[in-house]
Amino acid sequence: MNSTDIEEQQILKARLYVLESEHRDLDEVIERLSEDKPFDQLKLQRLKKRKLVLKDEMALVRSRILPDIIA
C-alpha cells in the first residue's frame, strides 16, 4: 500500500465517520418527531428517506475501504 492509498483510506474513513454521525443524528430527530403528536408526516418521510440515502452511501464507502476479495 503506497502513501496515496493510505491517504485515500483515511479520507474514506473520515467520510464514513461523518455519514455515521449524521445517520445517528437523524435517528434521534426521527424518534423525537415521532413522539410529538400530531407529527408532520411529510417531514418524517423526508428524514427517513435521507436516512436510507445515508445508509446506502455508508455501504458504498465501506465497500471501498474493505473491497471484496474474490477467492
Protein backbone atom coordinates (compact mmCIF):
# COMPACT_ATOMS: atom_id res chain seq x y z
CA MET A 1 0.00 0.00 0.00
CA ASN A 2 1.53 3.32 -1.03
CA SER A 3 1.02 6.74 0.56
CA THR A 4 -1.74 7.66 -1.92
CA ASP A 5 -3.69 4.53 -0.97
CA ILE A 6 -3.22 5.29 2.72
CA GLU A 7 -4.43 8.86 2.22
CA GLU A 8 -7.47 7.64 0.29
CA GLN A 9 -8.28 5.16 3.07
CA GLN A 10 -8.04 7.95 5.66
CA ILE A 11 -10.33 10.18 3.60
CA LEU A 12 -12.84 7.35 3.20
CA LYS A 13 -12.76 6.59 6.94
CA ALA A 14 -13.32 10.28 7.73
CA ARG A 15 -16.23 10.38 5.26
CA LEU A 16 -17.71 7.24 6.85
CA TYR A 17 -17.45 8.83 10.29
CA VAL A 18 -19.35 11.91 9.10
CA LEU A 19 -22.04 9.79 7.43
CA GLU A 20 -22.47 7.59 10.52
CA SER A 21 -22.73 10.66 12.71
CA GLU A 22 -25.43 12.21 10.52
CA HIS A 23 -27.26 8.85 10.42
CA ARG A 24 -27.29 8.68 14.23
CA ASP A 25 -28.45 12.28 14.47
CA LEU A 26 -31.31 11.56 12.08
CA ASP A 27 -32.28 8.58 14.24
CA GLU A 28 -32.65 10.88 17.23
CA VAL A 29 -34.57 13.53 15.28
CA ILE A 30 -36.95 10.93 13.83
CA GLU A 31 -37.55 9.45 17.26
CA ARG A 32 -38.29 12.86 18.80
CA LEU A 33 -40.53 13.86 15.90
CA SER A 34 -42.48 10.59 16.19
CA GLU A 35 -43.13 11.20 19.86
CA ASP A 36 -44.79 14.57 19.24
CA LYS A 37 -48.48 14.36 18.48
CA PRO A 38 -49.54 15.34 15.91
CA PHE A 39 -46.35 14.99 13.90
CA ASP A 40 -45.51 16.19 10.42
CA GLN A 41 -45.81 13.04 8.30
CA LEU A 42 -44.14 14.63 5.26
CA LYS A 43 -41.15 15.80 7.29
CA LEU A 44 -40.87 12.35 8.87
CA GLN A 45 -40.88 10.68 5.43
CA ARG A 46 -38.18 13.05 4.16
CA LEU A 47 -35.99 12.36 7.17
CA LYS A 48 -36.41 8.60 6.76
CA LYS A 49 -35.58 8.87 3.06
CA ARG A 50 -32.44 10.87 3.86
CA LYS A 51 -31.50 8.22 6.42
CA LEU A 52 -31.82 5.49 3.76
CA VAL A 53 -29.66 7.50 1.36
CA LEU A 54 -27.03 7.81 4.08
CA LYS A 55 -27.19 4.08 4.76
CA ASP A 56 -26.58 3.34 1.06
CA GLU A 57 -23.70 5.81 0.93
CA MET A 58 -22.16 4.28 4.08
CA ALA A 59 -22.32 0.84 2.48
CA LEU A 60 -20.60 2.19 -0.62
CA VAL A 61 -17.81 3.82 1.40
CA ARG A 62 -17.35 0.66 3.49
CA SER A 63 -17.03 -1.42 0.31
CA ARG A 64 -14.31 0.96 -0.91
CA ILE A 65 -12.48 0.69 2.41
CA LEU A 66 -12.70 -3.10 2.52
CA PRO A 67 -13.26 -4.34 -1.03
CA ASP A 68 -14.49 -7.88 -1.51
CA ILE A 69 -11.66 -10.24 -2.31
CA ILE A 70 -12.61 -12.82 -4.90
CA ALA A 71 -11.06 -16.14 -3.95
